[in-house]
């Protein structure tokens, strides 16, 4: 039986005290200028108190134009530092690692939210996004690095670079979206160049003791499973990152592409040679039995979303009782308030089918 409260040690030297990470969850409860709100502070620190070994922030944008949601937490300006410092101090006081997710929505930035035309690797008719110039790509890279440096100054133990879910780094990776003809488009090497440059420069500027993760998703938004696996192995072999976070949507399903159904979607990744890089996955890990099954499959730690919303102390409950079953949805608004969600977060959760009682 795997001990779910056993620590996970990263090559950076930091450790998480157990095998539970809070998923980076969009919630629209910070301030419009990207500053941390009291509601966001309460939500995240309550999860640290609930014994998540690693508390990940929501996606935090590195440029104003990269804002993907109303009231999104930002890390693009020094005026946001004070709030982040308050947050990291509180998270770490509970013995959890504090990690911020660096994000840019690209063509998924609503024009109504950012007040201008969204950007993309190349012009995108479907969204009306315009292609970035080469100098703007270089600036985007610089702003990811600046955000990581700012995060370190704020006291974060590390960062996760968001390369999943159709946001801007996914857009660069996608042969269906990226039609650039310079060094950032065409071959997989070129399409992944920006991601690798960002990771390399964060490592060079923030040092060996700063924890770096990368989030990828292997399906949707033009992602090819084999290409994503290739990128994973290259990230591992390069020796610059500490963990890879694969968002599978459902950890127990087969690949959507029939050509890749020789093994489960999860097995495609657990069968890679991770060396000293850790693997975490997310997607319908709801109960104690799910956690055990995923860890026993070769995953180093689990990333919990829905059940972390329902139970701020999900890790404590599962460590105490490996057969723990999460509360079933829908749940009442009063229940969610007791679990630390603000009214804004609850309103956001009403978008999820059958999550909140009508």
Protein backbone atom coordinates (compact mmCIF):
# COMPACT_ATOMS: atom_id res chain seq x y z
CA UNK A 1 0.00 0.00 0.00
CA UNK A 2 1.44 3.36 -1.04
CA UNK A 3 1.64 5.92 1.78
CA UNK A 4 -0.31 8.92 0.53
CA UNK A 5 1.27 11.11 3.22
CA UNK A 6 4.82 10.26 2.10
CA UNK A 7 6.77 13.30 0.87
CA UNK A 8 7.59 14.02 -2.77
CA UNK A 9 11.10 15.38 -3.31
CA UNK A 10 11.89 17.59 -6.29
CA UNK A 11 15.27 17.98 -7.93
CA UNK A 12 15.17 21.67 -6.92
CA UNK A 13 15.52 20.55 -3.31
CA UNK A 14 12.00 21.42 -2.24
CA UNK A 15 9.56 18.79 -1.01
CA UNK A 16 5.81 18.50 -0.73
CA UNK A 17 4.69 16.75 2.43
CA UNK A 18 2.20 14.42 0.74
CA UNK A 19 0.94 13.37 -2.67
CA UNK A 20 -1.84 15.96 -3.12
CA UNK A 21 -1.69 19.10 -5.28
CA UNK A 22 -4.47 21.64 -5.54
CA UNK A 23 -5.37 22.06 -9.20
CA UNK A 24 -5.08 25.56 -10.67
CA UNK A 25 -8.75 26.47 -10.67
CA UNK A 26 -10.31 29.44 -12.45
CA UNK A 27 -12.65 31.28 -10.10
CA UNK A 28 -13.03 34.97 -11.13
CA UNK A 29 -12.76 36.20 -7.56
CA UNK A 30 -9.72 38.49 -7.63
CA UNK A 31 -9.67 42.17 -8.59
CA UNK A 32 -9.93 43.37 -12.19
CA UNK A 33 -6.42 44.87 -12.02
CA UNK A 34 -5.01 41.43 -11.16
CA UNK A 35 -4.47 42.09 -7.48
CA UNK A 36 -5.22 39.38 -4.95
CA UNK A 37 -8.60 39.65 -3.23
CA UNK A 38 -9.45 38.63 0.32
CA UNK A 39 -11.76 35.99 -1.19
CA UNK A 40 -8.93 34.44 -3.19
CA UNK A 41 -6.63 34.56 -0.19
CA UNK A 42 -9.23 32.76 1.93
CA UNK A 43 -9.91 30.08 -0.72
CA UNK A 44 -6.25 29.18 -1.23
CA UNK A 45 -5.09 29.35 2.38
CA UNK A 46 -8.04 27.19 3.42
CA UNK A 47 -6.69 24.48 1.05
CA UNK A 48 -3.24 24.80 2.58
CA UNK A 49 -4.83 24.40 6.01
CA UNK A 50 -6.65 21.35 4.58
CA UNK A 51 -3.24 19.77 4.00
CA UNK A 52 -2.68 20.01 0.26
CA UNK A 53 1.05 19.42 -0.03
CA UNK A 54 1.25 21.78 -2.97
CA UNK A 55 -1.13 24.72 -3.37
CA UNK A 56 -1.28 25.96 -6.96
CA UNK A 57 -2.82 29.33 -7.71
CA UNK A 58 -5.37 29.83 -10.44
CA UNK A 59 -3.95 30.68 -13.86
CA UNK A 60 -2.23 34.05 -13.39
CA UNK A 61 -1.61 36.12 -16.51
CA UNK A 62 1.83 37.44 -17.38
CA UNK A 63 0.59 40.24 -19.68
CA UNK A 64 -2.48 42.43 -19.39
CA UNK A 65 -3.51 41.38 -22.91
CA UNK A 66 -3.27 37.74 -21.82
CA UNK A 67 -6.14 38.00 -19.35
CA UNK A 68 -8.56 35.16 -20.00
CA UNK A 69 -11.30 35.77 -17.44
CA UNK A 70 -12.94 38.62 -15.54
CA UNK A 71 -11.32 39.25 -12.13
CA UNK A 72 -8.32 37.04 -12.90
CA UNK A 73 -5.31 36.98 -10.59
CA UNK A 74 -2.31 38.59 -12.29
CA UNK A 75 1.47 38.43 -11.95
CA UNK A 76 2.32 40.94 -14.70
CA UNK A 77 3.05 43.99 -12.56
CA UNK A 78 4.96 44.94 -9.44
CA UNK A 79 1.79 46.48 -8.00
CA UNK A 80 0.56 42.90 -7.50
CA UNK A 81 3.56 41.85 -5.39
CA UNK A 82 2.21 42.78 -1.95
CA UNK A 83 -0.85 40.55 -2.27
CA UNK A 84 1.20 37.61 -3.49
CA UNK A 85 3.66 38.01 -0.62
CA UNK A 86 0.79 37.86 1.85
CA UNK A 87 -0.50 34.73 0.12
CA UNK A 88 2.79 32.82 -0.04
CA UNK A 89 3.53 33.56 3.60
CA UNK A 90 0.18 32.13 4.67
CA UNK A 91 0.35 29.06 2.42
CA UNK A 92 3.83 28.15 3.62
CA UNK A 93 2.83 28.70 7.25
CA UNK A 94 0.68 25.58 6.87
CA UNK A 95 3.61 23.55 5.51
CA UNK A 96 2.49 23.58 1.88
CA UNK A 97 4.52 24.48 -1.18
CA UNK A 98 3.29 27.68 -2.86
CA UNK A 99 3.39 27.51 -6.66
CA UNK A 100 1.94 30.06 -9.09
CA UNK A 101 0.73 29.12 -12.56
CA UNK A 102 1.99 31.44 -15.30
CA UNK A 103 -0.65 31.95 -17.97
CA UNK A 104 -1.52 33.85 -21.12
CA UNK A 105 -4.84 33.15 -22.82
CA UNK A 106 -3.81 34.29 -26.32
CA UNK A 107 -6.72 33.95 -28.74
CA UNK A 108 -8.88 32.82 -25.81
CA UNK A 109 -8.72 36.30 -24.25
CA UNK A 110 -12.22 37.75 -24.71
CA UNK A 111 -12.08 41.15 -26.39
CA UNK A 112 -14.71 42.35 -23.92
CA UNK A 113 -12.34 41.49 -21.06
CA UNK A 114 -9.08 42.91 -22.44
CA UNK A 115 -10.53 45.84 -24.40
CA UNK A 116 -8.56 45.09 -27.54
CA UNK A 117 -8.02 42.45 -30.21
CA UNK A 118 -6.62 39.23 -28.71
CA UNK A 119 -3.34 37.82 -29.98
CA UNK A 120 -2.30 34.45 -31.34
CA UNK A 121 0.78 32.89 -33.00
CA UNK A 122 -0.85 33.71 -36.35
CA UNK A 123 -4.06 35.35 -37.52
CA UNK A 124 -7.07 33.34 -36.41
CA UNK A 125 -10.37 33.85 -38.26
CA UNK A 126 -12.48 31.90 -35.77
CA UNK A 127 -11.60 34.12 -32.83
CA UNK A 128 -10.60 37.29 -34.67
CA UNK A 129 -7.18 37.17 -32.99
CA UNK A 130 -4.22 38.75 -34.73
CA UNK A 131 -0.84 37.12 -35.20
CA UNK A 132 2.04 38.28 -33.04
CA UNK A 133 5.02 39.97 -34.69
CA UNK A 134 8.42 38.41 -34.04
CA UNK A 135 9.29 41.23 -31.64
CA UNK A 136 6.02 40.60 -29.78
CA UNK A 137 6.90 36.90 -29.44
CA UNK A 138 10.22 37.92 -27.89
CA UNK A 139 8.35 40.29 -25.55
CA UNK A 140 5.93 37.50 -24.60
CA UNK A 141 8.88 35.31 -23.70
CA UNK A 142 10.43 38.14 -21.68
CA UNK A 143 7.19 38.70 -19.80
CA UNK A 144 6.91 35.03 -18.83
CA UNK A 145 10.45 35.29 -17.45
CA UNK A 146 9.71 38.57 -15.67
CA UNK A 147 6.62 37.01 -14.09
CA UNK A 148 8.70 34.09 -12.79
CA UNK A 149 11.27 36.48 -11.33
CA UNK A 150 8.44 38.47 -9.73
CA UNK A 151 6.96 35.23 -8.35
CA UNK A 152 10.26 34.32 -6.73
CA UNK A 153 10.41 37.81 -5.18
CA UNK A 154 6.89 37.22 -3.83
CA UNK A 155 8.05 34.11 -2.00
CA UNK A 156 6.67 31.41 -4.28
CA UNK A 157 8.59 28.13 -4.15
CA UNK A 158 8.24 27.89 -7.92
CA UNK A 159 6.08 28.29 -10.99
CA UNK A 160 4.08 26.15 -13.37
CA UNK A 161 4.21 27.21 -17.02
CA UNK A 162 0.72 26.76 -18.48
CA UNK A 163 1.08 25.05 -21.85
CA UNK A 164 -2.34 23.35 -21.83
CA UNK A 165 -6.03 23.89 -22.58
CA UNK A 166 -5.70 25.89 -25.77
CA UNK A 167 -4.00 28.93 -24.22
CA UNK A 168 -1.16 30.74 -25.93
CA UNK A 169 1.63 28.18 -25.50
CA UNK A 170 -0.75 25.46 -26.68
CA UNK A 171 -1.55 27.68 -29.65
CA UNK A 172 2.15 27.80 -30.53
CA UNK A 173 2.39 24.00 -30.15
CA UNK A 174 -0.66 23.33 -32.34
CA UNK A 175 -0.12 22.68 -36.05
CA UNK A 176 -3.82 23.51 -36.50
CA UNK A 177 -3.46 27.01 -35.05
CA UNK A 178 0.19 28.03 -35.55
CA UNK A 179 0.91 28.95 -39.18
CA UNK A 180 4.03 31.03 -38.59
CA UNK A 181 6.85 30.76 -41.11
CA UNK A 182 9.69 31.91 -38.84
CA UNK A 183 11.58 30.00 -36.15
CA UNK A 184 8.40 29.70 -34.06
CA UNK A 185 6.27 27.86 -36.63
CA UNK A 186 6.34 24.84 -38.91
CA UNK A 187 8.16 21.86 -37.43
CA UNK A 188 7.47 20.56 -33.91
CA UNK A 189 10.91 21.84 -32.92
CA UNK A 190 9.93 25.34 -34.02
CA UNK A 191 6.41 25.21 -32.58
CA UNK A 192 7.77 24.13 -29.19
CA UNK A 193 10.69 26.58 -29.26
CA UNK A 194 8.93 29.26 -27.21
CA UNK A 195 8.02 26.82 -24.45
CA UNK A 196 11.59 25.55 -24.17
CA UNK A 197 13.05 29.06 -24.25
CA UNK A 198 10.74 30.13 -21.42
CA UNK A 199 11.64 27.10 -19.29
CA UNK A 200 15.37 27.50 -19.96
CA UNK A 201 15.40 31.19 -19.09
CA UNK A 202 13.33 30.73 -15.93
CA UNK A 203 15.83 28.13 -14.77
CA UNK A 204 18.79 30.37 -15.66
CA UNK A 205 17.38 33.47 -13.98
CA UNK A 206 15.64 31.93 -10.96
CA UNK A 207 18.28 29.35 -10.10
CA UNK A 208 18.49 25.64 -9.41
CA UNK A 209 16.52 25.80 -6.14
CA UNK A 210 13.40 27.23 -7.80
CA UNK A 211 10.78 24.59 -8.62
CA UNK A 212 9.56 24.57 -12.23
CA UNK A 213 6.62 22.60 -13.60
CA UNK A 214 5.00 22.53 -17.03
CA UNK A 215 1.32 21.80 -17.65
CA UNK A 216 0.37 20.13 -20.94
CA UNK A 217 -2.82 18.57 -22.30
CA UNK A 218 -2.57 15.81 -24.93
CA UNK A 219 -5.92 16.25 -26.67
CA UNK A 220 -8.16 19.03 -28.06
CA UNK A 221 -7.02 22.36 -29.52
CA UNK A 222 -5.02 20.63 -32.23
CA UNK A 223 -2.81 18.70 -29.87
CA UNK A 224 -1.37 15.44 -31.16
CA UNK A 225 -0.77 12.86 -28.43
CA UNK A 226 2.54 11.65 -29.85
CA UNK A 227 3.82 15.20 -30.26
CA UNK A 228 2.92 15.99 -26.65
CA UNK A 229 4.73 12.84 -25.51
CA UNK A 230 7.79 13.91 -27.52
CA UNK A 231 7.75 17.33 -25.86
CA UNK A 232 7.44 15.70 -22.43
CA UNK A 233 10.45 13.47 -23.03
CA UNK A 234 12.48 16.40 -24.35
CA UNK A 235 11.59 18.48 -21.28
CA UNK A 236 12.64 15.58 -19.05
CA UNK A 237 15.89 14.97 -20.93
CA UNK A 238 16.82 18.66 -20.90
CA UNK A 239 17.02 18.52 -17.10
CA UNK A 240 15.54 21.96 -16.44
CA UNK A 241 12.17 21.09 -14.88
CA UNK A 242 10.99 19.43 -11.68
CA UNK A 243 7.58 18.12 -12.65
CA UNK A 244 5.19 17.67 -15.56
CA UNK A 245 1.48 18.20 -14.97
CA UNK A 246 -0.66 16.40 -17.57
CA UNK A 247 -4.29 17.47 -17.73
CA UNK A 248 -6.07 14.40 -19.09
CA UNK A 249 -9.68 15.58 -18.52
CA UNK A 250 -10.32 11.96 -17.49
CA UNK A 251 -7.46 9.85 -16.10
CA UNK A 252 -9.33 6.62 -16.72
CA UNK A 253 -10.21 6.92 -20.41
CA UNK A 254 -8.71 5.77 -23.67
CA UNK A 255 -7.27 8.27 -26.17
CA UNK A 256 -9.82 9.89 -28.45
CA UNK A 257 -7.67 9.15 -31.50
CA UNK A 258 -8.24 5.51 -32.47
CA UNK A 259 -4.67 5.26 -33.74
CA UNK A 260 -3.37 5.67 -30.20
CA UNK A 261 -5.68 3.25 -28.40
CA UNK A 262 -3.04 0.56 -27.91
CA UNK A 263 -2.98 1.75 -24.27
CA UNK A 264 -4.88 4.08 -22.00
CA UNK A 265 -4.30 7.82 -22.15
CA UNK A 266 -2.65 7.67 -18.74
CA UNK A 267 -0.36 4.80 -19.75
CA UNK A 268 0.94 6.81 -22.68
CA UNK A 269 2.55 9.07 -20.08
CA UNK A 270 3.41 6.71 -17.22
CA UNK A 271 5.40 4.67 -19.77
CA UNK A 272 7.76 7.58 -20.48
CA UNK A 273 11.20 7.62 -18.88
CA UNK A 274 10.79 10.35 -16.27
CA UNK A 275 14.25 9.98 -14.72
CA UNK A 276 14.22 12.38 -11.74
CA UNK A 277 11.30 14.49 -13.00
CA UNK A 278 7.98 13.96 -11.21
CA UNK A 279 4.63 13.32 -12.89
CA UNK A 280 1.23 14.54 -11.77
CA UNK A 281 -2.07 14.13 -13.60
CA UNK A 282 -5.54 15.64 -13.35
CA UNK A 283 -8.94 14.47 -14.51
CA UNK A 284 -11.81 12.92 -12.56
CA UNK A 285 -9.76 11.85 -9.56
CA UNK A 286 -12.72 12.17 -7.24
CA UNK A 287 -12.36 9.70 -4.34
CA UNK A 288 -9.82 7.93 -2.19
CA UNK A 289 -9.95 4.82 -4.38
CA UNK A 290 -9.21 6.96 -7.45
CA UNK A 291 -6.20 8.51 -5.73
CA UNK A 292 -4.76 5.13 -4.80
CA UNK A 293 -5.32 3.74 -8.30
CA UNK A 294 -3.57 6.68 -9.95
CA UNK A 295 -0.60 6.65 -7.57
CA UNK A 296 -0.20 2.89 -7.96
CA UNK A 297 -0.15 3.34 -11.75
CA UNK A 298 3.18 5.16 -11.49
CA UNK A 299 2.11 8.79 -10.95
CA UNK A 300 4.10 10.66 -8.28
CA UNK A 301 1.29 12.87 -6.96
CA UNK A 302 -2.30 13.68 -7.88
CA UNK A 303 -3.83 16.99 -8.91
CA UNK A 304 -7.29 17.52 -7.42
CA UNK A 305 -9.89 19.95 -8.75
CA UNK A 306 -13.57 19.16 -8.22
CA UNK A 307 -13.07 17.30 -4.94
CA UNK A 308 -10.85 20.13 -3.67
CA UNK A 309 -13.75 22.52 -4.22
CA UNK A 310 -16.08 20.19 -2.35
CA UNK A 311 -13.65 19.41 0.47
CA UNK A 312 -10.98 21.91 1.49
CA UNK A 313 -9.37 19.09 3.49
CA UNK A 314 -9.64 16.36 0.85
CA UNK A 315 -6.02 15.23 1.46
CA UNK A 316 -6.58 14.86 5.18
CA UNK A 317 -9.79 12.92 4.59
CA UNK A 318 -8.20 10.50 2.10
CA UNK A 319 -5.02 9.99 4.12
CA UNK A 320 -7.19 9.15 7.14
CA UNK A 321 -9.58 6.97 5.11
CA UNK A 322 -8.32 5.69 1.72
CA UNK A 323 -11.92 4.72 0.90
CA UNK A 324 -13.23 8.24 1.43
CA UNK A 325 -15.92 9.25 -1.07
CA UNK A 326 -16.45 12.89 -1.94
CA UNK A 327 -19.82 14.57 -1.53
CA UNK A 328 -21.97 14.14 -4.61
CA UNK A 329 -23.17 17.08 -6.70
CA UNK A 330 -25.21 19.14 -6.84
CA UNK A 331 -24.45 20.89 -3.56
CA UNK A 332 -26.02 23.97 -2.03
CA UNK A 333 -24.53 27.44 -2.11
CA UNK A 334 -24.36 27.41 1.68
CA UNK A 335 -22.28 24.23 1.50
CA UNK A 336 -19.82 25.90 -0.88
CA UNK A 337 -19.61 29.00 1.31
CA UNK A 338 -18.57 26.79 4.22
CA UNK A 339 -15.86 25.32 1.98
CA UNK A 340 -14.39 28.77 1.37
CA UNK A 341 -15.90 29.79 -1.96
CA UNK A 342 -16.91 33.42 -2.41
CA UNK A 343 -20.15 34.48 -4.08
CA UNK A 344 -18.16 35.23 -7.25
CA UNK A 345 -16.63 31.75 -7.24
CA UNK A 346 -20.04 30.15 -6.63
CA UNK A 347 -21.46 32.11 -9.57
CA UNK A 348 -18.59 30.84 -11.72
CA UNK A 349 -19.26 27.26 -10.60
CA UNK A 350 -22.87 27.56 -11.76
CA UNK A 351 -21.42 27.21 -15.28
CA UNK A 352 -20.51 23.62 -14.45
CA UNK A 353 -23.48 21.35 -15.22
CA UNK A 354 -25.27 20.11 -12.09
CA UNK A 355 -22.57 21.33 -9.70
CA UNK A 356 -24.59 23.90 -7.73
CA UNK A 357 -28.16 23.32 -6.59
CA UNK A 358 -30.66 25.46 -8.49
